Amino acid sequence: MKVGPDISRIAALIGDPARTNMLLALLSGEAWAAGDLAREAGVTAATASCHLSKLLAGGLISQSRQGRYRFYSLKDGDVGEALEVLLRVAARTGHTRHVVAPLEAPLRSARVCYDHLAGDYGVRLYGFLRASNHVVGPERRLRLSASGRDFAEKFGIRLDLLQRERRPLCRVCLDWSERTHHLGGLLGAAMLDRMMELKWLRRQPDTRAVVFTGKGRKAFAELTA
């Protein structure tokens, strides 16, 4: 390609297996210490440092400091969405890693995709918002309707605060396990945060999976009825 964005450099950064494992760990939306990422990638601390430097230089991750410790997270939602789409393509084309089915099932049910809800629950949420005309318009220009604003505010989401951000309020994200869309953007992130605040779900350690509580399953079913 002679002009325009060069995806080959980004693809090369993501394509290394160790860096792939690091990026998928960061898809949880949480900040990870270098040592934890090294263990996730199965490499030494020195090798992990080299990989992280390349990911930083490539604009795929960010670094923050707490005292003498450094923590890493995905640069933004665009990187998270790109990873989720690649997961979907890999699953569709048969390029899968060997995962024991019981361990994979929670990820397919509900998981964090950078900062919003993905998996079966995420797809169901987006389907409800669409069917109820709370989010309307073509998927490239998705917007919140008047009824959607009422719904979000009744759910406890401060839309006035969200609209101060530059990131899109509503955005679709391709779901790798359900092979359709779930809701991303600021609204998707706010919905997940609110569900956690209400204790409808809890994170699982060392995985992107989240588990809905008995209370959460009932409340989610009532919300999306």
Protein backbone atom coordinates (compact mmCIF):
# COMPACT_ATOMS: atom_id res chain seq x y z
CA MET A 1 0.00 0.00 0.00
CA LYS A 2 1.57 3.27 -1.12
CA VAL A 3 -0.47 5.80 0.83
CA GLY A 4 -2.70 5.83 3.92
CA PRO A 5 -2.51 4.02 7.26
CA ASP A 6 0.03 1.21 7.46
CA ILE A 7 -1.72 -1.75 9.09
CA SER A 8 1.25 -4.08 8.58
CA ARG A 9 3.16 -2.51 11.49
CA ILE A 10 0.17 -2.87 13.82
CA ALA A 11 -0.42 -6.43 12.62
CA ALA A 12 3.22 -7.31 13.31
CA LEU A 13 2.95 -5.92 16.84
CA ILE A 14 -0.20 -7.90 17.59
CA GLY A 15 1.00 -11.02 15.76
CA ASP A 16 3.75 -12.02 18.16
CA PRO A 17 2.29 -14.74 20.47
CA ALA A 18 3.70 -13.22 23.66
CA ARG A 19 2.40 -9.76 22.81
CA THR A 20 -0.95 -11.27 21.80
CA ASN A 21 -1.29 -12.82 25.26
CA MET A 22 -0.43 -9.49 26.88
CA LEU A 23 -2.96 -7.57 24.80
CA LEU A 24 -5.72 -10.10 25.42
CA ALA A 25 -5.04 -9.87 29.15
CA LEU A 26 -5.37 -6.08 28.93
CA LEU A 27 -8.67 -6.52 27.11
CA SER A 28 -10.12 -6.96 30.60
CA GLY A 29 -9.97 -3.16 30.85
CA GLU A 30 -7.78 -3.30 33.95
CA ALA A 31 -4.22 -2.07 34.35
CA TRP A 32 -1.63 -4.82 34.75
CA ALA A 33 1.84 -4.74 36.25
CA ALA A 34 4.74 -5.74 34.01
CA GLY A 35 5.45 -8.85 36.09
CA ASP A 36 1.88 -10.09 35.77
CA LEU A 37 1.96 -9.54 32.02
CA ALA A 38 5.25 -11.44 31.81
CA ARG A 39 3.63 -14.44 33.52
CA GLU A 40 0.58 -14.16 31.27
CA ALA A 41 2.83 -14.19 28.20
CA GLY A 42 5.11 -16.94 29.53
CA VAL A 43 8.29 -14.89 29.12
CA THR A 44 11.00 -13.49 31.35
CA ALA A 45 10.77 -10.02 32.87
CA ALA A 46 13.47 -8.73 30.50
CA THR A 47 11.67 -10.10 27.45
CA ALA A 48 8.36 -8.70 28.67
CA SER A 49 9.95 -5.28 29.08
CA CYS A 50 11.08 -5.41 25.45
CA HIS A 51 7.62 -6.40 24.24
CA LEU A 52 5.95 -3.67 26.31
CA SER A 53 8.32 -1.06 24.93
CA LYS A 54 7.33 -2.06 21.40
CA LEU A 55 3.62 -1.93 22.22
CA LEU A 56 4.06 1.50 23.81
CA ALA A 57 5.97 2.81 20.80
CA GLY A 58 3.30 1.40 18.50
CA GLY A 59 0.53 3.22 20.34
CA LEU A 60 -1.35 0.11 21.40
CA ILE A 61 -0.93 0.47 25.17
CA SER A 62 -0.48 3.18 27.79
CA GLN A 63 1.74 3.26 30.85
CA SER A 64 1.04 4.71 34.29
CA ARG A 65 3.07 4.80 37.49
CA GLN A 66 2.18 4.17 41.11
CA GLY A 67 5.25 4.76 43.21
CA ARG A 68 8.04 2.69 41.73
CA TYR A 69 5.66 0.37 39.91
CA ARG A 70 4.56 0.66 36.30
CA PHE A 71 1.16 -0.45 35.11
CA TYR A 72 -0.06 -1.00 31.56
CA SER A 73 -3.46 -0.80 29.91
CA LEU A 74 -4.86 -0.68 26.38
CA LYS A 75 -4.49 2.71 24.75
CA ASP A 76 -8.20 3.14 24.09
CA GLY A 77 -11.43 1.49 23.01
CA ASP A 78 -10.35 1.35 19.37
CA VAL A 79 -7.57 -1.07 20.29
CA GLY A 80 -10.00 -3.15 22.33
CA GLU A 81 -12.49 -3.26 19.48
CA ALA A 82 -9.78 -4.27 17.00
CA LEU A 83 -8.73 -7.16 19.24
CA GLU A 84 -12.34 -8.31 19.68
CA VAL A 85 -12.85 -8.27 15.90
CA LEU A 86 -9.67 -10.30 15.39
CA LEU A 87 -10.92 -12.82 17.94
CA ARG A 88 -14.15 -13.10 16.00
CA VAL A 89 -12.34 -13.63 12.70
CA ALA A 90 -10.07 -16.25 14.28
CA ALA A 91 -13.05 -18.11 15.75
CA ARG A 92 -14.95 -17.99 12.45
CA THR A 93 -12.01 -19.25 10.39
CA GLY A 94 -11.09 -22.05 12.78
CA HIS A 95 -7.90 -20.52 14.15
CA THR A 96 -8.55 -21.34 17.79
CA ARG A 97 -6.34 -22.17 20.69
CA HIS A 98 -7.04 -25.30 22.70
CA VAL A 99 -9.28 -24.23 25.57
CA VAL A 100 -11.09 -26.68 27.83
CA ALA A 101 -14.80 -26.15 27.21
CA PRO A 102 -15.82 -25.43 30.86
CA LEU A 103 -13.24 -22.63 30.94
CA GLU A 104 -14.46 -21.15 27.67
CA ALA A 105 -18.16 -21.21 28.57
CA PRO A 106 -18.02 -18.31 31.08
CA LEU A 107 -16.28 -16.13 28.50
CA ARG A 108 -19.01 -16.85 25.98
CA SER A 109 -21.72 -16.08 28.53
CA ALA A 110 -20.46 -12.72 29.78
CA ARG A 111 -17.09 -10.99 29.67
CA VAL A 112 -15.49 -7.58 29.66
CA CYS A 113 -14.47 -6.22 26.27
CA TYR A 114 -12.13 -3.38 27.28
CA ASP A 115 -14.77 -1.53 29.34
CA HIS A 116 -18.16 -2.84 28.21
CA LEU A 117 -20.19 -6.04 28.38
CA ALA A 118 -19.66 -8.72 25.73
CA GLY A 119 -20.72 -12.29 25.17
CA ASP A 120 -24.30 -13.57 25.27
CA TYR A 121 -25.36 -11.00 27.86
CA GLY A 122 -23.81 -8.14 25.91
CA VAL A 123 -25.53 -9.19 22.70
CA ARG A 124 -28.86 -9.55 24.51
CA LEU A 125 -28.50 -6.06 25.95
CA TYR A 126 -27.82 -4.53 22.54
CA GLY A 127 -30.67 -6.51 20.98
CA PHE A 128 -33.07 -5.17 23.60
CA LEU A 129 -31.93 -1.57 23.10
CA ARG A 130 -32.41 -1.95 19.35
CA ALA A 131 -35.79 -3.66 19.56
CA SER A 132 -37.02 -1.01 22.00
CA ASN A 133 -35.76 1.79 19.73
CA HIS A 134 -33.64 3.10 22.59
CA VAL A 135 -30.70 3.15 20.18
CA VAL A 136 -31.50 3.94 16.56
CA GLY A 137 -29.91 4.65 13.21
CA PRO A 138 -27.40 2.78 11.05
CA GLU A 139 -24.68 1.00 12.99
CA ARG A 140 -22.01 3.38 11.71
CA ARG A 141 -23.97 6.34 13.12
CA LEU A 142 -25.75 4.82 16.09
CA ARG A 143 -27.46 7.28 18.43
CA LEU A 144 -29.51 7.30 21.60
CA SER A 145 -33.21 8.14 21.07
CA ALA A 146 -35.40 10.18 23.42
CA SER A 147 -36.77 6.96 24.93
CA GLY A 148 -33.19 5.71 25.23
CA ARG A 149 -32.23 8.78 27.20
CA ASP A 150 -35.12 8.20 29.58
CA PHE A 151 -34.14 4.53 29.91
CA ALA A 152 -30.48 5.36 30.63
CA GLU A 153 -31.29 8.02 33.19
CA LYS A 154 -33.80 5.80 35.00
CA PHE A 155 -31.08 3.14 35.14
CA GLY A 156 -28.88 5.63 36.96
CA ILE A 157 -26.57 6.79 34.16
CA ARG A 158 -25.53 10.45 34.09
CA LEU A 159 -25.73 11.27 30.40
CA ASP A 160 -24.71 14.88 31.06
CA LEU A 161 -21.36 13.63 32.32
CA LEU A 162 -20.88 11.17 29.46
CA GLN A 163 -21.51 13.82 26.83
CA ARG A 164 -18.48 15.78 28.01
CA GLU A 165 -16.26 13.02 26.68
CA ARG A 166 -14.94 12.94 23.11
CA ARG A 167 -15.59 9.23 22.67
CA PRO A 168 -18.85 8.22 20.90
CA LEU A 169 -21.83 7.72 23.18
CA CYS A 170 -23.14 4.70 21.27
CA ARG A 171 -21.01 2.33 19.25
CA VAL A 172 -21.32 -1.27 18.13
CA CYS A 173 -18.55 -3.79 18.66
CA LEU A 174 -18.34 -7.15 16.88
CA ASP A 175 -18.64 -10.01 19.34
CA TRP A 176 -16.27 -12.91 18.62
CA SER A 177 -18.30 -15.60 20.37
CA GLU A 178 -21.82 -14.58 19.32
CA ARG A 179 -20.74 -13.44 15.83
CA THR A 180 -22.93 -10.36 15.97
CA HIS A 181 -22.83 -6.98 17.71
CA HIS A 182 -22.79 -5.88 21.31
CA LEU A 183 -22.89 -2.31 22.63
CA GLY A 184 -19.65 -0.38 23.10
CA GLY A 185 -18.93 3.32 23.43
CA LEU A 186 -19.52 5.45 26.50
CA LEU A 187 -23.03 4.07 27.01
CA GLY A 188 -21.80 0.47 26.91
CA ALA A 189 -19.11 1.28 29.47
CA ALA A 190 -21.58 3.12 31.70
CA MET A 191 -24.05 0.22 31.55
CA LEU A 192 -21.38 -2.23 32.70
CA ASP A 193 -20.22 0.11 35.47
CA ARG A 194 -23.79 0.52 36.70
CA MET A 195 -24.38 -3.25 36.73
CA MET A 196 -21.25 -3.70 38.80
CA GLU A 197 -22.34 -0.89 41.13
CA LEU A 198 -25.68 -2.65 41.61
CA LYS A 199 -23.79 -5.91 42.25
CA TRP A 200 -25.52 -7.69 39.39
CA LEU A 201 -22.25 -9.28 38.41
CA ARG A 202 -18.73 -9.85 39.64
CA ARG A 203 -15.39 -10.24 37.94
CA GLN A 204 -13.62 -13.58 37.85
CA PRO A 205 -9.94 -13.61 38.83
CA ASP A 206 -7.35 -13.95 36.04
CA THR A 207 -9.92 -13.85 33.26
CA ARG A 208 -12.16 -11.44 31.37
CA ALA A 209 -15.21 -13.44 32.37
CA VAL A 210 -17.84 -11.87 34.62
CA VAL A 211 -20.51 -13.85 36.43
CA PHE A 212 -24.04 -12.61 36.98
CA THR A 213 -25.36 -13.21 40.49
CA GLY A 214 -28.80 -14.69 41.09
CA LYS A 215 -30.05 -11.17 41.78
CA GLY A 216 -28.28 -9.91 38.67
CA ARG A 217 -29.75 -12.57 36.35
CA LYS A 218 -33.26 -11.75 37.51
CA ALA A 219 -32.72 -7.98 37.28
CA PHE A 220 -31.12 -8.25 33.84
CA ALA A 221 -34.04 -10.33 32.57
CA GLU A 222 -36.48 -7.73 33.90
CA LEU A 223 -34.44 -4.86 32.41
CA THR A 224 -34.36 -6.39 28.93
CA ALA A 225 -37.89 -7.85 28.93
